[in-house]
């Protein structure tokens, strides 16, 4: 049980750090509210 008590916080810390590292990959980039939406590329 002592091993589980040591491993669980380390695993949870790893998950939090991994989510922080890949936050910009998971979330879309923040845009300014006044920016017009561009759905298609201009020709």
PDB file of N, CA and C in Angstrom:
ATOM      1  N   UNK A   1       0.827  -1.209   0.000  1.00  0.00           N
ATOM      2  CA  UNK A   1       0.000   0.000   0.000  1.00  0.00           C
ATOM      3  C   UNK A   1       0.864   1.263   0.000  1.00  0.00           C
ATOM      4  N   UNK A   2       2.025   1.179   0.614  1.00  0.00           N
ATOM      5  CA  UNK A   2       2.898   2.351   0.628  1.00  0.00           C
ATOM      6  C   UNK A   2       3.372   2.684  -0.786  1.00  0.00           C
ATOM      7  N   UNK A   3       3.586   1.653  -1.595  1.00  0.00           N
ATOM      8  CA  UNK A   3       4.018   1.898  -2.975  1.00  0.00           C
ATOM      9  C   UNK A   3       2.924   2.622  -3.746  1.00  0.00           C
ATOM     10  N   UNK A   4       1.672   2.227  -3.549  1.00  0.00           N
ATOM     11  CA  UNK A   4       0.552   2.895  -4.213  1.00  0.00           C
ATOM     12  C   UNK A   4       0.458   4.343  -3.761  1.00  0.00           C
ATOM     13  N   UNK A   5       0.694   4.595  -2.467  1.00  0.00           N
ATOM     14  CA  UNK A   5       0.625   5.958  -1.937  1.00  0.00           C
ATOM     15  C   UNK A   5       1.717   6.845  -2.532  1.00  0.00           C
ATOM     16  N   UNK A   6       2.809   6.249  -2.983  1.00  0.00           N
ATOM     17  CA  UNK A   6       3.885   7.031  -3.602  1.00  0.00           C
ATOM     18  C   UNK A   6       3.650   7.172  -5.106  1.00  0.00           C
ATOM     19  N   UNK A   7       3.181   6.123  -5.757  1.00  0.00           N
ATOM     20  CA  UNK A   7       3.043   6.127  -7.211  1.00  0.00           C
ATOM     21  C   UNK A   7       1.870   6.996  -7.672  1.00  0.00           C
ATOM     22  N   UNK A   8       0.756   6.978  -6.962  1.00  0.00           N
ATOM     23  CA  UNK A   8      -0.436   7.726  -7.401  1.00  0.00           C
ATOM     24  C   UNK A   8      -0.191   9.222  -7.531  1.00  0.00           C
ATOM     25  N   UNK A   9       0.399   9.900  -6.549  1.00  0.00           N
ATOM     26  CA  UNK A   9       0.654  11.340  -6.746  1.00  0.00           C
ATOM     27  C   UNK A   9       1.613  11.621  -7.900  1.00  0.00           C
ATOM     28  N   UNK A  10       2.587  10.746  -8.105  1.00  0.00           N
ATOM     29  CA  UNK A  10       3.525  10.946  -9.211  1.00  0.00           C
ATOM     30  C   UNK A  10       2.797  10.805 -10.545  1.00  0.00           C
ATOM     31  N   UNK A  11       1.915   9.816 -10.655  1.00  0.00           N
ATOM     32  CA  UNK A  11       1.139   9.655 -11.880  1.00  0.00           C
ATOM     33  C   UNK A  11       0.208  10.839 -12.106  1.00  0.00           C
ATOM     34  N   UNK A  12      -0.435  11.317 -11.046  1.00  0.00           N
ATOM     35  CA  UNK A  12      -1.340  12.464 -11.181  1.00  0.00           C
ATOM     36  C   UNK A  12      -0.561  13.714 -11.591  1.00  0.00           C
ATOM     37  N   UNK A  13       0.626  13.900 -11.057  1.00  0.00           N
ATOM     38  CA  UNK A  13       1.456  15.038 -11.450  1.00  0.00           C
ATOM     39  C   UNK A  13       1.847  14.925 -12.917  1.00  0.00           C
ATOM     40  N   UNK A  14       2.157  13.721 -13.357  1.00  0.00           N
ATOM     41  CA  UNK A  14       2.491  13.521 -14.757  1.00  0.00           C
ATOM     42  C   UNK A  14       1.335  13.860 -15.678  1.00  0.00           C
ATOM     43  N   UNK A  15       0.124  13.495 -15.284  1.00  0.00           N
ATOM     44  CA  UNK A  15      -1.059  13.809 -16.097  1.00  0.00           C
ATOM     45  C   UNK A  15      -1.265  15.320 -16.170  1.00  0.00           C
ATOM     46  N   UNK A  16      -1.141  15.996 -15.043  1.00  0.00           N
ATOM     47  CA  UNK A  16      -1.327  17.456 -15.022  1.00  0.00           C
ATOM     48  C   UNK A  16      -0.266  18.144 -15.883  1.00  0.00           C
ATOM     49  N   UNK A  17       0.969  17.696 -15.785  1.00  0.00           N
ATOM     50  CA  UNK A  17       2.028  18.303 -16.597  1.00  0.00           C
ATOM     51  C   UNK A  17       1.823  18.016 -18.078  1.00  0.00           C
ATOM     52  N   UNK A  18       1.363  16.808 -18.406  1.00  0.00           N
ATOM     53  CA  UNK A  18       1.119  16.475 -19.805  1.00  0.00           C
ATOM     54  C   UNK A  18      -0.022  17.321 -20.369  1.00  0.00           C
ATOM     55  N   UNK A  19      -1.077  17.517 -19.597  1.00  0.00           N
ATOM     56  CA  UNK A  19      -2.185  18.350 -20.071  1.00  0.00           C
ATOM     57  C   UNK A  19      -1.744  19.794 -20.236  1.00  0.00           C
ATOM     58  N   UNK A  20      -0.920  20.283 -19.357  1.00  0.00           N
ATOM     59  CA  UNK A  20      -0.413  21.646 -19.494  1.00  0.00           C
ATOM     60  C   UNK A  20       0.480  21.791 -20.711  1.00  0.00           C
ATOM     61  N   UNK A  21       1.245  20.742 -21.002  1.00  0.00           N
ATOM     62  CA  UNK A  21       2.160  20.791 -22.149  1.00  0.00           C
ATOM     63  C   UNK A  21       1.393  20.807 -23.458  1.00  0.00           C
ATOM     64  N   UNK A  22       0.313  20.046 -23.529  1.00  0.00           N
ATOM     65  CA  UNK A  22      -0.428  19.926 -24.780  1.00  0.00           C
ATOM     66  C   UNK A  22      -1.706  20.755 -24.782  1.00  0.00           C
ATOM     67  N   UNK A  23      -1.753  21.778 -23.929  1.00  0.00           N
ATOM     68  CA  UNK A  23      -2.960  22.602 -23.835  1.00  0.00           C
ATOM     69  C   UNK A  23      -3.257  23.313 -25.150  1.00  0.00           C
ATOM     70  N   UNK A  24      -2.241  23.880 -25.771  1.00  0.00           N
ATOM     71  CA  UNK A  24      -2.500  24.611 -27.014  1.00  0.00           C
ATOM     72  C   UNK A  24      -2.837  23.665 -28.158  1.00  0.00           C
ATOM     73  N   UNK A  25      -2.424  22.388 -28.050  1.00  0.00           N
ATOM     74  CA  UNK A  25      -2.808  21.409 -29.078  1.00  0.00           C
ATOM     75  C   UNK A  25      -4.256  20.960 -28.886  1.00  0.00           C
ATOM     76  N   UNK A  26      -4.700  20.886 -27.625  1.00  0.00           N
ATOM     77  CA  UNK A  26      -6.057  20.418 -27.348  1.00  0.00           C
ATOM     78  C   UNK A  26      -7.095  21.517 -27.578  1.00  0.00           C
ATOM     79  N   UNK A  27      -6.733  22.760 -27.253  1.00  0.00           N
ATOM     80  CA  UNK A  27      -7.693  23.857 -27.336  1.00  0.00           C
ATOM     81  C   UNK A  27      -7.470  24.663 -28.606  1.00  0.00           C
ATOM     82  N   UNK A  28      -8.534  25.179 -29.217  1.00  0.00           N
ATOM     83  CA  UNK A  28      -8.353  26.045 -30.390  1.00  0.00           C
ATOM     84  C   UNK A  28      -7.713  27.360 -29.971  1.00  0.00           C
ATOM     85  N   UNK A  29      -7.017  28.035 -30.865  1.00  0.00           N
ATOM     86  CA  UNK A  29      -6.387  29.307 -30.504  1.00  0.00           C
ATOM     87  C   UNK A  29      -7.426  30.372 -30.179  1.00  0.00           C
ATOM     88  N   UNK A  30      -7.131  31.166 -29.182  1.00  0.00           N
ATOM     89  CA  UNK A  30      -8.048  32.238 -28.783  1.00  0.00           C
ATOM     90  C   UNK A  30      -8.007  33.357 -29.815  1.00  0.00           C
ATOM     91  N   UNK A  31      -9.176  33.826 -30.205  1.00  0.00           N
ATOM     92  CA  UNK A  31      -9.257  34.926 -31.178  1.00  0.00           C
ATOM     93  C   UNK A  31      -9.868  36.144 -30.515  1.00  0.00           C
ATOM     94  N   UNK A  32      -9.540  37.285 -31.072  1.00  0.00           N
ATOM     95  CA  UNK A  32     -10.130  38.530 -30.584  1.00  0.00           C
ATOM     96  C   UNK A  32     -11.600  38.558 -31.016  1.00  0.00           C
ATOM     97  N   UNK A  33     -12.513  39.016 -30.137  1.00  0.00           N
ATOM     98  CA  UNK A  33     -13.940  39.001 -30.495  1.00  0.00           C
ATOM     99  C   UNK A  33     -14.291  39.870 -31.692  1.00  0.00           C
ATOM    100  N   UNK A  34     -13.478  40.899 -31.984  1.00  0.00           N
ATOM    101  CA  UNK A  34     -13.787  41.787 -33.104  1.00  0.00           C
ATOM    102  C   UNK A  34     -13.278  41.253 -34.444  1.00  0.00           C
ATOM    103  N   UNK A  35     -12.516  40.180 -34.416  1.00  0.00           N
ATOM    104  CA  UNK A  35     -12.002  39.616 -35.667  1.00  0.00           C
ATOM    105  C   UNK A  35     -13.112  38.990 -36.481  1.00  0.00           C
ATOM    106  N   UNK A  36     -13.132  39.231 -37.776  1.00  0.00           N
ATOM    107  CA  UNK A  36     -14.151  38.560 -38.604  1.00  0.00           C
ATOM    108  C   UNK A  36     -13.823  37.066 -38.752  1.00  0.00           C
ATOM    109  N   UNK A  37     -14.867  36.258 -38.856  1.00  0.00           N
ATOM    110  CA  UNK A  37     -14.667  34.830 -39.021  1.00  0.00           C
ATOM    111  C   UNK A  37     -14.287  34.540 -40.467  1.00  0.00           C
ATOM    112  N   UNK A  38     -13.271  33.718 -40.637  1.00  0.00           N
ATOM    113  CA  UNK A  38     -12.857  33.314 -41.986  1.00  0.00           C
ATOM    114  C   UNK A  38     -13.074  31.826 -42.111  1.00  0.00           C
ATOM    115  N   UNK A  39     -14.070  31.429 -42.915  1.00  0.00           N
ATOM    116  CA  UNK A  39     -14.377  30.027 -43.074  1.00  0.00           C
ATOM    117  C   UNK A  39     -13.680  29.437 -44.297  1.00  0.00           C
ATOM    118  N   UNK A  40     -13.399  30.255 -45.300  1.00  0.00           N
ATOM    119  CA  UNK A  40     -12.752  29.769 -46.520  1.00  0.00           C
ATOM    120  C   UNK A  40     -11.535  30.621 -46.815  1.00  0.00           C
ATOM    121  N   UNK A  41     -10.609  30.031 -47.544  1.00  0.00           N
ATOM    122  CA  UNK A  41      -9.430  30.791 -47.935  1.00  0.00           C
ATOM    123  C   UNK A  41      -9.776  31.755 -49.062  1.00  0.00           C
ATOM    124  N   UNK A  42      -9.226  32.958 -49.051  1.00  0.00           N
ATOM    125  CA  UNK A  42      -9.507  33.892 -50.148  1.00  0.00           C
ATOM    126  C   UNK A  42      -8.838  33.431 -51.443  1.00  0.00           C
ATOM    127  N   UNK A  43      -9.454  33.736 -52.568  1.00  0.00           N
ATOM    128  CA  UNK A  43      -8.912  33.328 -53.867  1.00  0.00           C
ATOM    129  C   UNK A  43      -8.039  34.404 -54.425  1.00  0.00           C
TER     130      UNK A  43
END
